[in-house]
Structure formats: C-alpha cells, structure tokens
Protein backbone atom coordinates (compact mmCIF):
# COMPACT_ATOMS: atom_id res chain seq x y z
CA MET A 1 -2.42 106.73 -110.66
CA GLU A 2 -0.81 103.90 -108.75
CA GLY A 3 -2.60 104.95 -105.54
CA MET A 4 -5.95 104.93 -107.33
CA THR A 5 -5.25 101.40 -108.65
CA ARG A 6 -4.54 100.12 -105.12
CA ARG A 7 -7.81 101.63 -103.81
CA LEU A 8 -9.72 100.04 -106.67
CA ARG A 9 -8.24 96.63 -105.91
CA SER A 10 -9.14 97.02 -102.22
CA ILE A 11 -12.72 97.92 -103.09
CA LEU A 12 -13.02 94.90 -105.42
CA LEU A 13 -11.58 92.53 -102.79
CA LEU A 14 -13.95 93.83 -100.11
CA SER A 15 -16.92 93.42 -102.45
CA ALA A 16 -15.92 89.82 -103.19
CA LEU A 17 -15.66 89.02 -99.48
CA LEU A 18 -19.09 90.47 -98.82
CA LEU A 19 -20.61 88.40 -101.61
CA VAL A 20 -19.08 85.17 -100.24
CA GLY A 21 -20.28 85.96 -96.73
CA SER A 22 -23.81 86.58 -97.95
CA ALA A 23 -23.82 83.27 -99.84
CA VAL A 24 -22.66 81.32 -96.77
CA ALA A 25 -25.27 83.00 -94.60
CA GLY A 26 -27.95 82.22 -97.18
CA VAL A 27 -27.03 78.51 -97.09
CA ALA A 28 -26.76 78.26 -93.30
CA GLU A 29 -29.94 80.09 -92.41
CA PRO A 30 -32.38 77.70 -94.13
CA ARG A 31 -30.72 74.70 -92.40
CA LEU A 32 -31.06 76.32 -89.00
CA GLY A 33 -34.63 77.22 -89.81
CA ARG A 34 -35.56 73.62 -90.75
CA ALA A 35 -33.96 72.16 -87.60
CA ALA A 36 -35.82 74.60 -85.42
CA ASP A 37 -39.14 73.87 -87.15
CA THR A 38 -38.88 70.03 -86.87
CA PRO A 39 -41.44 68.85 -84.26
CA VAL A 40 -40.23 66.59 -81.44
CA LYS A 41 -41.63 63.06 -81.80
CA LYS A 42 -43.56 62.08 -78.67
CA THR A 43 -43.83 58.47 -77.57
CA ILE A 44 -45.04 56.47 -74.58
CA THR A 45 -43.28 53.20 -73.66
CA VAL A 46 -44.86 50.72 -71.26
CA THR A 47 -44.34 47.14 -70.05
CA GLY A 48 -47.30 44.79 -70.16
CA ASN A 49 -47.64 41.58 -68.14
CA GLY A 50 -49.90 38.61 -68.76
CA SER A 51 -50.24 35.18 -67.15
CA VAL A 52 -52.31 32.02 -67.43
CA THR A 53 -52.75 29.64 -64.51
CA THR A 54 -53.00 25.98 -65.38
CA VAL A 55 -52.72 22.47 -63.91
CA PRO A 56 -49.73 20.43 -65.18
CA ASP A 57 -50.54 17.27 -67.12
CA ARG A 58 -47.00 15.96 -67.79
CA ALA A 59 -44.25 14.73 -65.46
CA THR A 60 -40.56 14.13 -66.16
CA PHE A 61 -38.33 11.88 -64.01
CA ASP A 62 -34.69 10.80 -63.99
CA PHE A 63 -34.29 7.10 -63.13
CA THR A 64 -30.83 5.77 -62.29
CA VAL A 65 -29.54 2.21 -62.13
CA GLU A 66 -26.28 1.81 -60.21
CA THR A 67 -24.32 -1.46 -60.11
CA ARG A 68 -21.07 -2.57 -58.47
CA ALA A 69 -18.59 -5.27 -59.42
CA ALA A 70 -14.94 -6.23 -58.90
CA THR A 71 -13.93 -5.24 -62.45
CA ALA A 72 -14.91 -2.41 -64.72
CA LYS A 73 -16.12 -4.82 -67.40
CA ALA A 74 -18.33 -6.74 -64.98
CA ALA A 75 -19.80 -3.57 -63.47
CA LEU A 76 -20.65 -2.14 -66.89
CA ALA A 77 -22.08 -5.44 -68.19
CA LYS A 78 -24.33 -5.87 -65.15
CA ASN A 79 -25.41 -2.25 -65.40
CA ALA A 80 -26.33 -2.69 -69.06
CA ASP A 81 -28.58 -5.64 -68.19
CA ASP A 82 -30.27 -3.82 -65.29
CA ALA A 83 -30.73 -0.61 -67.28
CA GLY A 84 -32.22 -2.58 -70.16
CA ALA A 85 -34.70 -4.20 -67.80
CA MET A 86 -35.65 -0.81 -66.36
CA ILE A 87 -36.22 0.70 -69.81
CA ALA A 88 -38.37 -2.26 -70.81
CA ALA A 89 -40.44 -1.81 -67.65
CA LEU A 90 -40.91 1.90 -68.39
CA LYS A 91 -42.20 1.10 -71.87
CA ASN A 92 -44.57 -1.53 -70.45
CA ALA A 93 -45.86 1.12 -68.02
CA GLY A 94 -46.91 3.28 -70.97
CA VAL A 95 -43.88 5.52 -71.57
CA ALA A 96 -43.36 5.97 -75.33
CA ALA A 97 -39.91 5.32 -76.78
CA ALA A 98 -39.78 8.93 -77.97
CA ASP A 99 -40.20 10.06 -74.34
CA LEU A 100 -37.17 8.11 -73.10
CA ARG A 101 -33.69 9.64 -73.25
CA THR A 102 -30.37 8.49 -71.79
CA GLY A 103 -29.08 11.30 -69.60
CA GLN A 104 -25.75 9.93 -68.42
CA VAL A 105 -23.66 6.76 -68.39
CA SER A 106 -20.73 6.63 -65.97
CA LEU A 107 -18.10 4.20 -64.68
CA GLN A 108 -15.98 5.05 -61.64
CA PRO A 109 -13.40 3.12 -59.58
CA GLN A 110 -14.24 2.41 -55.95
CA MET A 111 -11.32 3.01 -53.59
CA ASN A 112 -10.50 1.58 -50.17
CA GLU A 113 -10.78 3.73 -47.04
CA LYS A 114 -7.21 4.97 -47.40
CA GLY A 115 -7.75 5.86 -51.03
CA THR A 116 -4.71 3.85 -52.11
CA ASP A 117 -6.20 0.81 -53.85
CA VAL A 118 -9.05 0.09 -56.24
CA ILE A 119 -11.40 -2.44 -54.70
CA GLY A 120 -14.11 -2.38 -57.35
CA TYR A 121 -16.05 -0.33 -59.85
CA VAL A 122 -19.39 1.48 -59.86
CA ALA A 123 -21.37 1.84 -63.08
CA SER A 124 -24.52 3.89 -63.49
CA ASN A 125 -27.03 4.70 -66.20
CA THR A 126 -29.57 7.55 -65.89
CA VAL A 127 -32.64 7.63 -68.12
CA GLU A 128 -35.03 10.57 -68.44
CA ALA A 129 -38.67 9.56 -68.82
CA LYS A 130 -41.63 11.77 -69.71
CA THR A 131 -45.15 10.60 -69.00
CA ALA A 132 -48.72 11.76 -68.57
CA LEU A 133 -49.27 12.89 -65.00
CA ALA A 134 -52.06 10.37 -64.57
CA LYS A 135 -49.52 7.56 -65.10
CA ALA A 136 -46.65 9.10 -63.12
CA GLY A 137 -47.08 7.08 -59.94
CA ALA A 138 -47.30 3.79 -61.82
CA VAL A 139 -44.24 4.70 -63.90
CA VAL A 140 -42.15 5.36 -60.77
CA ASP A 141 -43.23 2.06 -59.25
CA ALA A 142 -42.43 0.17 -62.44
CA ALA A 143 -38.94 1.67 -62.71
CA VAL A 144 -38.05 0.89 -59.10
CA ALA A 145 -39.46 -2.64 -59.34
CA ALA A 146 -37.27 -3.23 -62.40
CA GLY A 147 -34.06 -2.17 -60.63
CA ALA A 148 -33.89 1.63 -60.53
CA ASN A 149 -32.17 2.62 -57.27
CA GLY A 150 -32.18 6.37 -57.90
CA VAL A 151 -35.22 8.56 -58.67
CA SER A 152 -35.21 12.32 -59.29
CA GLY A 153 -38.25 14.45 -60.11
CA PRO A 154 -40.91 15.13 -61.03
CA MET A 155 -40.54 18.18 -63.24
CA LEU A 156 -44.13 19.14 -64.01
CA SER A 157 -45.24 20.79 -67.25
CA ARG A 158 -48.13 21.26 -69.66
CA SER A 159 -48.41 19.56 -73.02
CA ASP A 160 -49.97 22.70 -74.55
CA THR A 161 -47.54 25.27 -73.10
CA ASP A 162 -47.08 27.05 -76.45
CA ALA A 163 -50.81 27.75 -76.80
CA LEU A 164 -51.02 28.93 -73.18
CA TYR A 165 -48.05 31.23 -73.72
CA ARG A 166 -49.75 32.83 -76.72
CA ASP A 167 -52.79 33.49 -74.52
CA ALA A 168 -50.50 35.09 -71.93
CA LEU A 169 -48.97 37.27 -74.67
CA LYS A 170 -52.42 38.57 -75.62
CA SER A 171 -53.08 39.47 -72.00
CA ALA A 172 -49.71 41.22 -71.79
CA VAL A 173 -50.44 43.36 -74.88
CA ALA A 174 -53.86 44.29 -73.48
CA ASP A 175 -52.25 45.22 -70.16
CA ALA A 176 -49.73 47.42 -71.97
CA ALA A 177 -52.54 49.21 -73.84
CA GLU A 178 -54.37 50.02 -70.59
CA LYS A 179 -51.20 51.37 -68.99
CA ALA A 180 -50.44 53.52 -72.05
CA LYS A 181 -53.98 54.97 -72.03
CA ALA A 182 -53.64 55.86 -68.36
CA LEU A 183 -50.29 57.57 -68.91
CA ALA A 184 -51.50 59.48 -71.96
CA GLY A 185 -54.59 60.70 -70.12
CA SER A 186 -52.56 61.80 -67.12
CA ALA A 187 -50.13 63.72 -69.33
CA GLY A 188 -52.83 65.34 -71.48
CA LEU A 189 -51.70 63.47 -74.59
CA THR A 190 -53.55 61.60 -77.31
CA LEU A 191 -52.45 57.98 -77.63
CA GLY A 192 -51.43 56.99 -81.14
CA GLY A 193 -50.61 53.70 -82.83
CA VAL A 194 -48.09 51.07 -81.79
CA GLN A 195 -44.55 51.83 -82.94
CA THR A 196 -42.64 48.82 -81.58
CA ILE A 197 -43.29 45.66 -79.53
CA VAL A 198 -40.51 43.71 -77.82
CA GLU A 199 -41.31 40.27 -76.40
CA GLY A 200 -39.90 38.85 -73.20
CA SER A 201 -41.08 35.95 -71.06
CA GLN A 202 -40.64 34.38 -67.67
CA ALA A 203 -41.78 30.89 -66.74
CA GLY A 204 -43.54 30.59 -63.43
CA PRO A 205 -42.64 27.79 -60.99
CA PRO A 206 -45.21 25.21 -59.91
CA ILE A 207 -47.43 26.43 -57.09
CA PRO A 208 -48.45 23.79 -54.51
CA PHE A 209 -52.16 23.09 -54.67
CA ALA A 210 -53.94 20.15 -53.08
CA GLN A 211 -55.28 17.72 -55.63
CA LYS A 212 -56.19 14.06 -55.66
CA ALA A 213 -53.18 11.82 -56.20
CA ALA A 214 -52.74 10.54 -59.72
CA ASP A 215 -53.19 6.94 -58.61
CA ALA A 216 -53.89 5.99 -54.98
CA ALA A 217 -52.34 2.52 -55.50
CA SER A 218 -49.08 3.99 -56.83
CA THR A 219 -46.49 6.51 -55.69
CA PRO A 220 -48.59 9.67 -55.10
CA ILE A 221 -47.81 12.63 -57.38
CA GLU A 222 -49.55 15.96 -56.68
CA ALA A 223 -50.19 18.15 -59.71
CA GLY A 224 -50.37 21.57 -58.08
CA THR A 225 -50.84 24.59 -60.33
CA GLN A 226 -48.44 26.36 -62.64
CA THR A 227 -48.35 29.79 -64.28
CA VAL A 228 -47.31 30.60 -67.82
CA ASP A 229 -46.12 34.22 -67.90
CA ALA A 230 -45.47 36.67 -70.73
CA VAL A 231 -43.94 40.15 -70.77
CA VAL A 232 -43.99 42.70 -73.61
CA THR A 233 -42.55 46.21 -73.95
CA VAL A 234 -44.68 48.41 -76.24
CA THR A 235 -43.93 51.88 -77.58
CA TYR A 236 -46.89 54.02 -78.74
CA ALA A 237 -46.93 57.27 -80.65
CA ALA A 238 -48.39 60.18 -78.71
CA GLY A 239 -49.58 63.64 -79.61
C-alpha cells in the first residue's frame, strides 16, 4: 500500500511539472513570434549643403587712441579727452551711437630700458565702430584725423544675414532631398517622408573680388564677396 502511495505521488508531481513547462512555453513562444515578425525600419540619412553668395554692405573697425604721460592720472585724463574727440568725430561721420562700443580701456606703466624704474604711463581706449560700407573710408579718415593712432579692420558683413541664411537653409534641404532620391533609386528603395532634420551652419570667409572703392577721396575699402552657408542632416523613411 505504501509503495502504491509513493508511485501515485510521483505521477502527480510529474504531471504538475509538465503542466508548468507547457505554460511557460506557451508564454514564451508568442513573444518570440512577435519579435521575429516585426519588420526592420529602413531609413536613409543624408547631409545637404546650401550657400548664398553676396556682397558685404557693412564694415566694422576697432579704433584705438593711445596717450603717454609722466603720471597715471595725466595719461588717463589725456586719453579720455582724445578718445572723446575721436568718438565725436565718428558720430559726425555718420556712425550711430548704437553702433559704437568701447572694446577696451587700459593703463600700463612704461619702464626704462633696464626694467627697473617707471618712467611714465601709457593709456589706451579702443572703440568698435560699425558703419555702412559706403561710408567706411570716410569713417576711417575721420577717426584718424581726430586722434586715433591704431586702426584694426575691416570685418565685413551683411545687414540681412539672417534672411540670406534662411535662403541657404532652403537650398540645403533641397540638396538633401536630391541626394536621398539618388540613394533610394540606387538601392531599389522607395523614398518616404522626412523623419528628422538637424541644422548646422558654417559661415564663409570674405572672398576677394575687385570692386570700385567705397569713396575714392577716402581710405579705399574693397567689398569683395562673401558666402552664407547652411548645412542640414535629414533622415527619410524608406521602403
């Protein structure tokens, strides 16, 4: 009787294990089936480039007034007077107050040849001025005539750079579309809609280009040409 009871328990235990195994297999198999049936998403990613060539119409200069005196106070006071005269001259030459910005004010001791004694002081004031390119030569002349003894520039730019950049972006997107069509056709795929667009840009340096000087009677400033560049990375669906 006892032996029969043990066999019965063994049979029941084995049956329970088989039922659990079947349940686990039933849960796992559908998951594996769904993963295997999921189609792979196909995409095409390209980089598009666009550019607009333009002629600069704005110029930016740095004008510096440097003065020397025996004492720091005297050097700074004289520099303030000379810098004030230069700023007034820039305004009279047509530079708006909003286009004038102080870049740096400095005061340094001047040493003797041995570097052991202070023999005076040097004060300087640098002012950044933005102007229309047509007035650039006259602005430089006015600043120097008023006491500027240091000139740096010009940095040329366009007043409508934002609008030109948007035009370059449109060209870049169109370029990306043409590249994607070519890739899809070569791979035997059908090009779908845009999935993502990432913007990137790179400003082009001025390119020398002979033009008439802004004002023949003033310091000559050549405009040259300049490019406004745009770069986009576009991902398309493909099938």
